[in-house]
N, C-alpha and C. Protein backbone atom coordinates (compact mmCIF):
# COMPACT_ATOMS: atom_id res chain seq x y z
N MET A 1 -0.67 -28.51 -66.21
CA MET A 1 0.61 -29.13 -66.48
C MET A 1 0.48 -30.62 -66.75
N ALA A 2 -0.48 -31.26 -66.08
CA ALA A 2 -0.70 -32.70 -66.29
C ALA A 2 -1.19 -32.97 -67.71
N GLU A 3 -2.00 -32.03 -68.25
CA GLU A 3 -2.48 -32.19 -69.62
C GLU A 3 -1.32 -32.16 -70.60
N THR A 4 -0.36 -31.28 -70.35
CA THR A 4 0.80 -31.16 -71.23
C THR A 4 1.58 -32.46 -71.27
N TRP A 5 1.83 -33.06 -70.11
CA TRP A 5 2.58 -34.30 -70.07
C TRP A 5 1.81 -35.45 -70.71
N PHE A 6 0.49 -35.48 -70.48
CA PHE A 6 -0.32 -36.54 -71.09
C PHE A 6 -0.31 -36.42 -72.61
N LEU A 7 -0.54 -35.21 -73.13
CA LEU A 7 -0.57 -35.01 -74.59
C LEU A 7 0.80 -35.23 -75.21
N THR A 8 1.86 -34.82 -74.51
CA THR A 8 3.21 -35.09 -75.01
C THR A 8 3.47 -36.59 -75.06
N GLY A 9 2.98 -37.29 -74.06
CA GLY A 9 3.12 -38.75 -74.06
C GLY A 9 2.40 -39.39 -75.23
N LEU A 10 1.22 -38.86 -75.58
CA LEU A 10 0.50 -39.37 -76.76
C LEU A 10 1.29 -39.10 -78.03
N VAL A 11 1.74 -37.86 -78.18
CA VAL A 11 2.41 -37.44 -79.42
C VAL A 11 3.72 -38.19 -79.62
N VAL A 12 4.42 -38.49 -78.55
CA VAL A 12 5.71 -39.18 -78.65
C VAL A 12 5.52 -40.70 -78.53
N GLY A 13 4.64 -41.12 -77.65
CA GLY A 13 4.51 -42.54 -77.33
C GLY A 13 3.82 -43.38 -78.39
N ILE A 14 2.79 -42.84 -79.03
CA ILE A 14 2.06 -43.63 -80.03
C ILE A 14 2.94 -44.03 -81.21
N PRO A 15 3.72 -43.10 -81.80
CA PRO A 15 4.61 -43.55 -82.89
C PRO A 15 5.66 -44.57 -82.42
N MET A 16 6.16 -44.38 -81.21
CA MET A 16 7.16 -45.33 -80.70
C MET A 16 6.54 -46.70 -80.48
N LEU A 17 5.34 -46.73 -79.92
CA LEU A 17 4.64 -48.00 -79.71
C LEU A 17 4.35 -48.69 -81.06
N SER A 18 3.88 -47.91 -82.02
CA SER A 18 3.58 -48.47 -83.35
C SER A 18 4.83 -49.02 -84.01
N ALA A 19 5.93 -48.28 -83.93
CA ALA A 19 7.19 -48.75 -84.52
C ALA A 19 7.66 -50.02 -83.85
N LEU A 20 7.52 -50.10 -82.55
CA LEU A 20 7.90 -51.30 -81.81
C LEU A 20 7.06 -52.50 -82.22
N ILE A 21 5.76 -52.28 -82.40
CA ILE A 21 4.87 -53.38 -82.80
C ILE A 21 5.22 -53.88 -84.20
N VAL A 22 5.44 -52.95 -85.15
CA VAL A 22 5.79 -53.36 -86.51
C VAL A 22 7.13 -54.06 -86.52
N TRP A 23 8.08 -53.53 -85.79
CA TRP A 23 9.41 -54.12 -85.75
C TRP A 23 9.38 -55.52 -85.15
N ALA A 24 8.58 -55.70 -84.10
CA ALA A 24 8.52 -56.99 -83.41
C ALA A 24 7.65 -58.01 -84.13
N SER A 25 6.76 -57.54 -85.01
CA SER A 25 5.86 -58.49 -85.68
C SER A 25 6.64 -59.31 -86.69
N ASP A 26 6.12 -60.47 -86.98
CA ASP A 26 6.79 -61.35 -87.93
C ASP A 26 6.16 -61.26 -89.32
N ALA A 27 5.37 -60.21 -89.59
CA ALA A 27 4.72 -60.05 -90.90
C ALA A 27 5.67 -59.37 -91.87
N ASP A 28 6.72 -60.09 -92.27
CA ASP A 28 7.71 -59.52 -93.16
C ASP A 28 7.19 -59.32 -94.57
N ILE A 29 6.28 -60.17 -95.01
CA ILE A 29 5.74 -60.06 -96.36
C ILE A 29 4.23 -60.02 -96.28
N SER A 30 3.61 -59.47 -97.33
CA SER A 30 2.17 -59.29 -97.29
C SER A 30 1.40 -60.57 -97.58
N GLU A 31 2.06 -61.59 -98.07
CA GLU A 31 1.38 -62.87 -98.24
C GLU A 31 2.33 -63.98 -97.84
N ARG A 32 1.77 -65.00 -97.23
CA ARG A 32 2.56 -66.15 -96.79
C ARG A 32 1.94 -67.40 -97.38
N HIS A 33 2.75 -68.19 -98.03
CA HIS A 33 2.27 -69.43 -98.63
C HIS A 33 2.73 -70.59 -97.75
N HIS A 34 1.76 -71.39 -97.34
CA HIS A 34 2.03 -72.58 -96.57
C HIS A 34 1.51 -73.78 -97.35
N SER A 35 1.78 -74.96 -96.88
CA SER A 35 1.36 -76.14 -97.62
C SER A 35 -0.15 -76.30 -97.66
N HIS A 36 -0.87 -75.84 -96.63
CA HIS A 36 -2.31 -76.05 -96.61
C HIS A 36 -3.12 -74.76 -96.64
N HIS A 37 -2.46 -73.58 -96.57
CA HIS A 37 -3.21 -72.32 -96.67
C HIS A 37 -2.28 -71.17 -97.07
N ASP A 38 -2.88 -70.08 -97.53
CA ASP A 38 -2.17 -68.85 -97.85
C ASP A 38 -2.79 -67.72 -97.03
N THR A 39 -1.95 -66.85 -96.50
CA THR A 39 -2.41 -65.73 -95.69
C THR A 39 -2.07 -64.43 -96.40
N TYR A 40 -3.05 -63.53 -96.50
CA TYR A 40 -2.87 -62.24 -97.15
C TYR A 40 -3.18 -61.13 -96.17
N VAL A 41 -2.22 -60.24 -95.93
CA VAL A 41 -2.39 -59.09 -95.05
C VAL A 41 -1.82 -57.87 -95.78
N ILE A 42 -1.96 -56.68 -95.16
CA ILE A 42 -1.40 -55.49 -95.81
C ILE A 42 0.12 -55.59 -95.83
N ALA A 43 0.71 -54.91 -96.78
CA ALA A 43 2.16 -54.94 -96.92
C ALA A 43 2.83 -54.28 -95.73
N ASN A 44 3.94 -54.84 -95.29
CA ASN A 44 4.67 -54.31 -94.16
C ASN A 44 5.21 -52.91 -94.47
N THR A 45 5.56 -52.65 -95.72
CA THR A 45 6.06 -51.32 -96.09
C THR A 45 4.96 -50.26 -95.94
N PHE A 46 3.72 -50.64 -96.23
CA PHE A 46 2.59 -49.72 -96.04
C PHE A 46 2.41 -49.43 -94.55
N SER A 47 2.51 -50.45 -93.74
CA SER A 47 2.39 -50.28 -92.29
C SER A 47 3.51 -49.37 -91.78
N TRP A 48 4.74 -49.59 -92.25
CA TRP A 48 5.85 -48.73 -91.85
C TRP A 48 5.62 -47.29 -92.33
N GLY A 49 5.01 -47.12 -93.49
CA GLY A 49 4.73 -45.78 -93.99
C GLY A 49 3.82 -44.99 -93.06
N ILE A 50 2.80 -45.66 -92.53
CA ILE A 50 1.90 -44.99 -91.58
C ILE A 50 2.64 -44.67 -90.29
N VAL A 51 3.51 -45.57 -89.84
CA VAL A 51 4.29 -45.33 -88.63
C VAL A 51 5.24 -44.15 -88.83
N PHE A 52 5.88 -44.07 -90.00
CA PHE A 52 6.78 -42.94 -90.26
C PHE A 52 6.01 -41.62 -90.34
N ALA A 53 4.80 -41.66 -90.89
CA ALA A 53 3.97 -40.44 -90.91
C ALA A 53 3.63 -40.01 -89.49
N MET A 54 3.31 -40.97 -88.62
CA MET A 54 3.02 -40.63 -87.23
C MET A 54 4.27 -40.07 -86.54
N ALA A 55 5.44 -40.64 -86.83
CA ALA A 55 6.68 -40.16 -86.21
C ALA A 55 7.00 -38.74 -86.69
N PHE A 56 6.82 -38.49 -87.97
CA PHE A 56 7.07 -37.15 -88.51
C PHE A 56 6.14 -36.13 -87.87
N MET A 57 4.85 -36.47 -87.80
CA MET A 57 3.88 -35.55 -87.20
C MET A 57 4.16 -35.38 -85.70
N GLY A 58 4.66 -36.40 -85.04
CA GLY A 58 5.02 -36.27 -83.63
C GLY A 58 6.17 -35.30 -83.44
N ALA A 59 7.20 -35.42 -84.29
CA ALA A 59 8.33 -34.50 -84.20
C ALA A 59 7.89 -33.07 -84.52
N LEU A 60 7.04 -32.93 -85.52
CA LEU A 60 6.52 -31.60 -85.86
C LEU A 60 5.69 -31.03 -84.72
N GLY A 61 4.90 -31.86 -84.06
CA GLY A 61 4.09 -31.42 -82.93
C GLY A 61 4.94 -30.96 -81.77
N VAL A 62 6.00 -31.71 -81.47
CA VAL A 62 6.90 -31.31 -80.38
C VAL A 62 7.61 -30.00 -80.73
N LEU A 63 8.07 -29.87 -81.97
CA LEU A 63 8.74 -28.65 -82.40
C LEU A 63 7.81 -27.44 -82.32
N LEU A 64 6.61 -27.56 -82.83
CA LEU A 64 5.67 -26.44 -82.79
C LEU A 64 5.26 -26.10 -81.36
N THR A 65 5.11 -27.11 -80.52
CA THR A 65 4.79 -26.86 -79.10
C THR A 65 5.93 -26.11 -78.43
N TRP A 66 7.14 -26.51 -78.70
CA TRP A 66 8.31 -25.83 -78.14
C TRP A 66 8.36 -24.38 -78.60
N LEU A 67 8.06 -24.13 -79.88
CA LEU A 67 8.03 -22.75 -80.38
C LEU A 67 6.91 -21.94 -79.74
N CYS A 68 5.80 -22.59 -79.42
CA CYS A 68 4.71 -21.89 -78.71
C CYS A 68 5.13 -21.55 -77.29
N VAL A 69 5.84 -22.46 -76.63
CA VAL A 69 6.32 -22.19 -75.28
C VAL A 69 7.31 -21.02 -75.27
N LEU A 70 8.11 -20.92 -76.34
CA LEU A 70 9.07 -19.81 -76.46
C LEU A 70 8.41 -18.52 -76.93
N SER A 71 7.10 -18.54 -77.13
CA SER A 71 6.30 -17.38 -77.59
C SER A 71 6.65 -16.93 -79.00
N VAL A 72 7.13 -17.84 -79.82
CA VAL A 72 7.34 -17.53 -81.24
C VAL A 72 5.98 -17.41 -81.92
N PHE A 73 5.06 -18.28 -81.53
CA PHE A 73 3.68 -18.23 -82.03
C PHE A 73 2.78 -17.85 -80.86
N GLU A 74 1.73 -17.11 -81.16
CA GLU A 74 0.80 -16.68 -80.11
C GLU A 74 -0.35 -17.68 -79.98
N VAL A 75 0.00 -18.92 -79.79
CA VAL A 75 -0.97 -19.99 -79.63
C VAL A 75 -0.62 -20.73 -78.35
N ASP A 76 -1.64 -21.15 -77.63
CA ASP A 76 -1.41 -21.92 -76.43
C ASP A 76 -0.83 -23.29 -76.81
N SER A 77 0.21 -23.70 -76.13
CA SER A 77 0.86 -24.96 -76.47
C SER A 77 -0.07 -26.15 -76.27
N ILE A 78 -1.02 -26.06 -75.36
CA ILE A 78 -1.98 -27.15 -75.14
C ILE A 78 -2.82 -27.37 -76.40
N VAL A 79 -3.19 -26.30 -77.10
CA VAL A 79 -3.99 -26.42 -78.32
C VAL A 79 -3.21 -27.17 -79.39
N VAL A 80 -1.94 -26.83 -79.53
CA VAL A 80 -1.09 -27.50 -80.52
C VAL A 80 -0.93 -28.98 -80.17
N LEU A 81 -0.63 -29.25 -78.92
CA LEU A 81 -0.49 -30.64 -78.49
C LEU A 81 -1.79 -31.42 -78.64
N ALA A 82 -2.91 -30.78 -78.35
CA ALA A 82 -4.21 -31.46 -78.50
C ALA A 82 -4.47 -31.81 -79.96
N PHE A 83 -4.12 -30.92 -80.88
CA PHE A 83 -4.30 -31.21 -82.30
C PHE A 83 -3.46 -32.43 -82.71
N PHE A 84 -2.18 -32.41 -82.37
CA PHE A 84 -1.30 -33.52 -82.76
C PHE A 84 -1.65 -34.80 -82.00
N GLY A 85 -2.11 -34.68 -80.77
CA GLY A 85 -2.58 -35.86 -80.03
C GLY A 85 -3.78 -36.49 -80.70
N ALA A 86 -4.73 -35.65 -81.14
CA ALA A 86 -5.92 -36.16 -81.85
C ALA A 86 -5.51 -36.82 -83.16
N PHE A 87 -4.54 -36.23 -83.87
CA PHE A 87 -4.04 -36.84 -85.10
C PHE A 87 -3.47 -38.23 -84.81
N HIS A 88 -2.68 -38.34 -83.76
CA HIS A 88 -2.04 -39.62 -83.46
C HIS A 88 -3.04 -40.68 -83.04
N VAL A 89 -4.02 -40.31 -82.25
CA VAL A 89 -5.03 -41.29 -81.85
C VAL A 89 -5.80 -41.78 -83.07
N THR A 90 -6.16 -40.87 -83.98
CA THR A 90 -6.88 -41.24 -85.20
C THR A 90 -6.02 -42.11 -86.12
N ALA A 91 -4.78 -41.71 -86.33
CA ALA A 91 -3.88 -42.48 -87.18
C ALA A 91 -3.61 -43.86 -86.60
N PHE A 92 -3.47 -43.94 -85.28
CA PHE A 92 -3.23 -45.22 -84.64
C PHE A 92 -4.44 -46.14 -84.79
N ALA A 93 -5.65 -45.59 -84.64
CA ALA A 93 -6.87 -46.40 -84.82
C ALA A 93 -6.96 -46.90 -86.26
N LEU A 94 -6.66 -46.05 -87.22
CA LEU A 94 -6.66 -46.48 -88.63
C LEU A 94 -5.61 -47.55 -88.86
N TRP A 95 -4.44 -47.37 -88.31
CA TRP A 95 -3.36 -48.33 -88.47
C TRP A 95 -3.73 -49.70 -87.88
N VAL A 96 -4.36 -49.69 -86.71
CA VAL A 96 -4.78 -50.95 -86.09
C VAL A 96 -5.83 -51.65 -86.94
N MET A 97 -6.79 -50.88 -87.48
CA MET A 97 -7.82 -51.48 -88.35
C MET A 97 -7.20 -52.10 -89.59
N LEU A 98 -6.29 -51.39 -90.23
CA LEU A 98 -5.66 -51.91 -91.44
C LEU A 98 -4.83 -53.16 -91.15
N ARG A 99 -4.16 -53.18 -90.03
CA ARG A 99 -3.36 -54.37 -89.67
C ARG A 99 -4.24 -55.55 -89.31
N ARG A 100 -5.47 -55.29 -88.92
CA ARG A 100 -6.39 -56.38 -88.54
C ARG A 100 -6.92 -57.12 -89.77
N TYR A 101 -7.08 -56.43 -90.91
CA TYR A 101 -7.67 -57.04 -92.10
C TYR A 101 -6.78 -58.17 -92.61
N LYS A 102 -7.41 -59.36 -92.81
CA LYS A 102 -6.65 -60.53 -93.24
C LYS A 102 -7.57 -61.49 -93.99
N VAL A 103 -7.04 -62.09 -95.04
CA VAL A 103 -7.74 -63.13 -95.78
C VAL A 103 -6.84 -64.36 -95.78
N VAL A 104 -7.41 -65.49 -95.34
CA VAL A 104 -6.68 -66.75 -95.34
C VAL A 104 -7.45 -67.71 -96.23
N THR A 105 -6.78 -68.22 -97.27
CA THR A 105 -7.42 -69.15 -98.19
C THR A 105 -6.89 -70.56 -97.94
N PHE A 106 -7.83 -71.49 -97.85
CA PHE A 106 -7.51 -72.91 -97.71
C PHE A 106 -7.93 -73.62 -98.99
N ASP A 107 -7.88 -74.95 -99.02
CA ASP A 107 -8.24 -75.68 -100.22
C ASP A 107 -9.71 -75.52 -100.59
N ASP A 108 -10.61 -75.58 -99.60
CA ASP A 108 -12.03 -75.54 -99.93
C ASP A 108 -12.81 -74.46 -99.19
N PHE A 109 -12.14 -73.61 -98.42
CA PHE A 109 -12.81 -72.48 -97.76
C PHE A 109 -11.81 -71.37 -97.49
N MET A 110 -12.33 -70.21 -97.11
CA MET A 110 -11.47 -69.08 -96.74
C MET A 110 -12.03 -68.42 -95.49
N THR A 111 -11.17 -67.73 -94.78
CA THR A 111 -11.60 -66.92 -93.65
C THR A 111 -11.20 -65.48 -93.93
N VAL A 112 -12.11 -64.56 -93.63
CA VAL A 112 -11.86 -63.13 -93.84
C VAL A 112 -12.04 -62.44 -92.49
N THR A 113 -11.00 -61.74 -92.06
CA THR A 113 -11.08 -60.93 -90.86
C THR A 113 -11.22 -59.48 -91.30
N PRO A 114 -12.43 -58.90 -91.17
CA PRO A 114 -12.66 -57.53 -91.65
C PRO A 114 -12.08 -56.49 -90.69
N PHE A 115 -12.20 -55.21 -91.08
CA PHE A 115 -11.74 -54.13 -90.22
C PHE A 115 -12.47 -54.15 -88.89
N PHE A 116 -13.79 -54.39 -88.95
CA PHE A 116 -14.64 -54.46 -87.75
C PHE A 116 -15.38 -55.79 -87.78
N GLY A 117 -15.68 -56.32 -86.63
CA GLY A 117 -16.52 -57.50 -86.56
C GLY A 117 -15.74 -58.80 -86.50
N PRO A 118 -16.50 -59.89 -86.41
CA PRO A 118 -15.86 -61.21 -86.26
C PRO A 118 -15.33 -61.75 -87.59
N THR A 119 -14.46 -62.72 -87.48
CA THR A 119 -13.92 -63.42 -88.65
C THR A 119 -15.02 -64.25 -89.29
N VAL A 120 -15.08 -64.23 -90.62
CA VAL A 120 -16.11 -64.94 -91.37
C VAL A 120 -15.45 -66.09 -92.12
N THR A 121 -16.06 -67.27 -92.06
CA THR A 121 -15.59 -68.43 -92.80
C THR A 121 -16.57 -68.71 -93.92
N ILE A 122 -16.03 -68.85 -95.15
CA ILE A 122 -16.88 -69.08 -96.33
C ILE A 122 -16.33 -70.28 -97.09
N ARG A 123 -17.20 -71.26 -97.30
CA ARG A 123 -16.83 -72.41 -98.14
C ARG A 123 -17.00 -71.98 -99.60
N TYR A 124 -16.04 -72.33 -100.44
CA TYR A 124 -16.08 -71.91 -101.84
C TYR A 124 -17.32 -72.43 -102.56
N GLU A 125 -17.74 -73.63 -102.24
CA GLU A 125 -18.91 -74.21 -102.92
C GLU A 125 -20.21 -73.51 -102.53
N ASP A 126 -20.22 -72.81 -101.39
CA ASP A 126 -21.43 -72.09 -100.96
C ASP A 126 -21.56 -70.70 -101.57
N ILE A 127 -20.53 -70.22 -102.25
CA ILE A 127 -20.57 -68.87 -102.83
C ILE A 127 -21.59 -68.86 -103.97
N SER A 128 -22.58 -67.97 -103.85
CA SER A 128 -23.62 -67.87 -104.89
C SER A 128 -23.32 -66.77 -105.89
N ALA A 129 -22.58 -65.75 -105.49
CA ALA A 129 -22.24 -64.65 -106.41
C ALA A 129 -21.04 -63.90 -105.86
N MET A 130 -20.28 -63.34 -106.78
CA MET A 130 -19.20 -62.41 -106.44
C MET A 130 -19.32 -61.25 -107.41
N GLU A 131 -19.29 -60.03 -106.89
CA GLU A 131 -19.40 -58.88 -107.79
C GLU A 131 -18.35 -57.83 -107.45
N TRP A 132 -17.91 -57.15 -108.49
CA TRP A 132 -16.94 -56.07 -108.34
C TRP A 132 -17.64 -54.85 -107.77
N VAL A 133 -16.99 -54.21 -106.81
CA VAL A 133 -17.54 -53.01 -106.16
C VAL A 133 -16.48 -51.92 -106.27
N THR A 134 -16.89 -50.75 -106.76
CA THR A 134 -15.98 -49.62 -106.87
C THR A 134 -16.20 -48.69 -105.69
N SER A 135 -15.12 -48.27 -105.07
CA SER A 135 -15.19 -47.36 -103.93
C SER A 135 -15.54 -45.96 -104.41
N LEU A 136 -16.30 -45.25 -103.61
CA LEU A 136 -16.63 -43.86 -103.94
C LEU A 136 -15.45 -42.94 -103.72
N THR A 137 -14.54 -43.31 -102.83
CA THR A 137 -13.41 -42.45 -102.54
C THR A 137 -12.23 -42.69 -103.48
N ALA A 138 -12.05 -43.90 -103.95
CA ALA A 138 -10.94 -44.23 -104.84
C ALA A 138 -11.50 -45.01 -106.02
N LEU A 139 -11.79 -44.33 -107.09
CA LEU A 139 -12.49 -44.94 -108.21
C LEU A 139 -11.67 -46.03 -108.91
N GLN A 140 -10.36 -46.04 -108.73
CA GLN A 140 -9.54 -47.07 -109.35
C GLN A 140 -9.50 -48.36 -108.54
N ASP A 141 -9.86 -48.27 -107.28
CA ASP A 141 -9.85 -49.46 -106.41
C ASP A 141 -11.14 -50.24 -106.57
N ARG A 142 -11.01 -51.51 -106.88
CA ARG A 142 -12.17 -52.37 -107.01
C ARG A 142 -12.06 -53.50 -106.01
N SER A 143 -13.07 -53.60 -105.17
CA SER A 143 -13.16 -54.69 -104.22
C SER A 143 -14.10 -55.74 -104.79
N VAL A 144 -14.15 -56.89 -104.15
CA VAL A 144 -15.04 -57.96 -104.58
C VAL A 144 -15.94 -58.33 -103.41
N SER A 145 -17.25 -58.21 -103.61
CA SER A 145 -18.23 -58.66 -102.63
C SER A 145 -18.50 -60.14 -102.84
N VAL A 146 -18.47 -60.90 -101.77
CA VAL A 146 -18.71 -62.34 -101.84
C VAL A 146 -20.06 -62.61 -101.18
N PHE A 147 -20.97 -63.25 -101.94
CA PHE A 147 -22.31 -63.53 -101.46
C PHE A 147 -22.49 -65.02 -101.24
N VAL A 148 -23.16 -65.35 -100.14
CA VAL A 148 -23.62 -66.71 -99.88
C VAL A 148 -25.13 -66.58 -99.75
N GLY A 149 -25.85 -67.23 -100.67
CA GLY A 149 -27.29 -67.01 -100.74
C GLY A 149 -27.52 -65.60 -101.26
N HIS A 150 -28.35 -64.84 -100.59
CA HIS A 150 -28.61 -63.46 -101.00
C HIS A 150 -27.95 -62.47 -100.06
N ARG A 151 -27.04 -62.93 -99.25
CA ARG A 151 -26.43 -62.08 -98.24
C ARG A 151 -24.93 -61.93 -98.49
N ARG A 152 -24.45 -60.68 -98.43
CA ARG A 152 -23.02 -60.46 -98.59
C ARG A 152 -22.32 -60.90 -97.32
N ARG A 153 -21.38 -61.81 -97.48
CA ARG A 153 -20.67 -62.36 -96.32
C ARG A 153 -19.30 -61.72 -96.12
N ALA A 154 -18.68 -61.25 -97.20
CA ALA A 154 -17.34 -60.68 -97.07
C ALA A 154 -17.09 -59.68 -98.19
N LEU A 155 -16.16 -58.79 -97.93
CA LEU A 155 -15.70 -57.83 -98.93
C LEU A 155 -14.19 -57.99 -99.03
N LEU A 156 -13.73 -58.45 -100.19
CA LEU A 156 -12.30 -58.66 -100.41
C LEU A 156 -11.72 -57.35 -100.93
N ARG A 157 -10.85 -56.74 -100.15
CA ARG A 157 -10.28 -55.42 -100.46
C ARG A 157 -9.04 -55.55 -101.34
N PRO A 158 -8.79 -54.54 -102.18
CA PRO A 158 -7.62 -54.60 -103.07
C PRO A 158 -6.29 -54.33 -102.39
N MET A 159 -6.29 -54.08 -101.09
CA MET A 159 -5.03 -53.84 -100.38
C MET A 159 -4.24 -55.13 -100.20
N VAL A 160 -4.89 -56.27 -100.42
CA VAL A 160 -4.21 -57.55 -100.43
C VAL A 160 -4.18 -58.05 -101.88
N ASP A 161 -3.50 -59.13 -102.14
CA ASP A 161 -3.36 -59.63 -103.51
C ASP A 161 -4.67 -60.26 -103.97
N LEU A 162 -5.57 -59.43 -104.46
CA LEU A 162 -6.92 -59.86 -104.83
C LEU A 162 -6.92 -60.89 -105.95
N GLU A 163 -6.03 -60.74 -106.92
CA GLU A 163 -5.99 -61.68 -108.03
C GLU A 163 -5.63 -63.09 -107.57
N GLN A 164 -4.66 -63.19 -106.67
CA GLN A 164 -4.27 -64.50 -106.15
C GLN A 164 -5.40 -65.13 -105.34
N ILE A 165 -6.13 -64.31 -104.60
CA ILE A 165 -7.25 -64.83 -103.81
C ILE A 165 -8.33 -65.36 -104.74
N LEU A 166 -8.64 -64.62 -105.80
CA LEU A 166 -9.67 -65.07 -106.75
C LEU A 166 -9.25 -66.34 -107.46
N ILE A 167 -7.98 -66.47 -107.78
CA ILE A 167 -7.49 -67.70 -108.41
C ILE A 167 -7.63 -68.87 -107.44
N ARG A 168 -7.33 -68.63 -106.18
CA ARG A 168 -7.44 -69.71 -105.18
C ARG A 168 -8.90 -70.12 -104.95
N ILE A 169 -9.82 -69.14 -104.96
CA ILE A 169 -11.25 -69.44 -104.80
C ILE A 169 -11.73 -70.27 -106.00
N ASP A 170 -11.29 -69.88 -107.21
CA ASP A 170 -11.61 -70.59 -108.45
C ASP A 170 -13.12 -70.74 -108.66
N ARG A 171 -13.86 -69.64 -108.49
CA ARG A 171 -15.30 -69.62 -108.74
C ARG A 171 -15.63 -68.50 -109.72
N PHE A 172 -14.95 -68.51 -110.86
CA PHE A 172 -15.16 -67.48 -111.86
C PHE A 172 -16.53 -67.59 -112.52
N ASP A 173 -17.22 -68.72 -112.31
CA ASP A 173 -18.57 -68.87 -112.84
C ASP A 173 -19.56 -67.95 -112.14
N VAL A 174 -19.27 -67.52 -110.92
CA VAL A 174 -20.19 -66.63 -110.18
C VAL A 174 -19.67 -65.21 -110.09
N LEU A 175 -18.53 -64.93 -110.70
CA LEU A 175 -17.92 -63.59 -110.66
C LEU A 175 -18.50 -62.75 -111.78
N GLN A 176 -19.12 -61.62 -111.41
CA GLN A 176 -19.66 -60.70 -112.40
C GLN A 176 -18.52 -60.11 -113.21
N SER A 177 -18.74 -59.93 -114.50
CA SER A 177 -17.69 -59.32 -115.32
C SER A 177 -17.66 -57.82 -115.04
N LEU A 178 -16.51 -57.22 -115.32
CA LEU A 178 -16.36 -55.79 -115.07
C LEU A 178 -17.20 -54.95 -116.03
N SER A 179 -17.55 -55.49 -117.19
CA SER A 179 -18.30 -54.71 -118.17
C SER A 179 -19.78 -54.62 -117.85
N SER A 180 -20.28 -55.49 -116.98
CA SER A 180 -21.73 -55.45 -116.68
C SER A 180 -22.06 -54.52 -115.56
């Protein structure tokens, strides 16, 4: 019985917690322009979309569990709750990673906070190369790898306004063309 309450808490609580965090956050727009820097994060509507998907799956999980308890389906309700609980934990982890990604551009340097790892600071004058990278999962999405020396220091993802970031960096002399 304790497992049922714990899994129900996951299925109901994670979407509610996520909705509360998005609602309380001040990230109304995906980019913020200030006098000395610009901040680029994922769009708030995209974040809300993931929260709504979690809420829908939570409601579906509770409904299917209730139908299992009523013996409409010959499945143990714990199995159904465990499936939806695993979905919510995975979706929440993805949502947290996506909300963490941020690019802040200043006059002569930028900071990139990746999905994992520490924030990286890159001075524009130190950039030795930038190259377009195509994702294997989404062939239309092109990211930009930023190199300092012979080491890739950051990957600029297309989920933020990549064109504006490249204009702010203003190092088109080291940007590989798409045709090469």
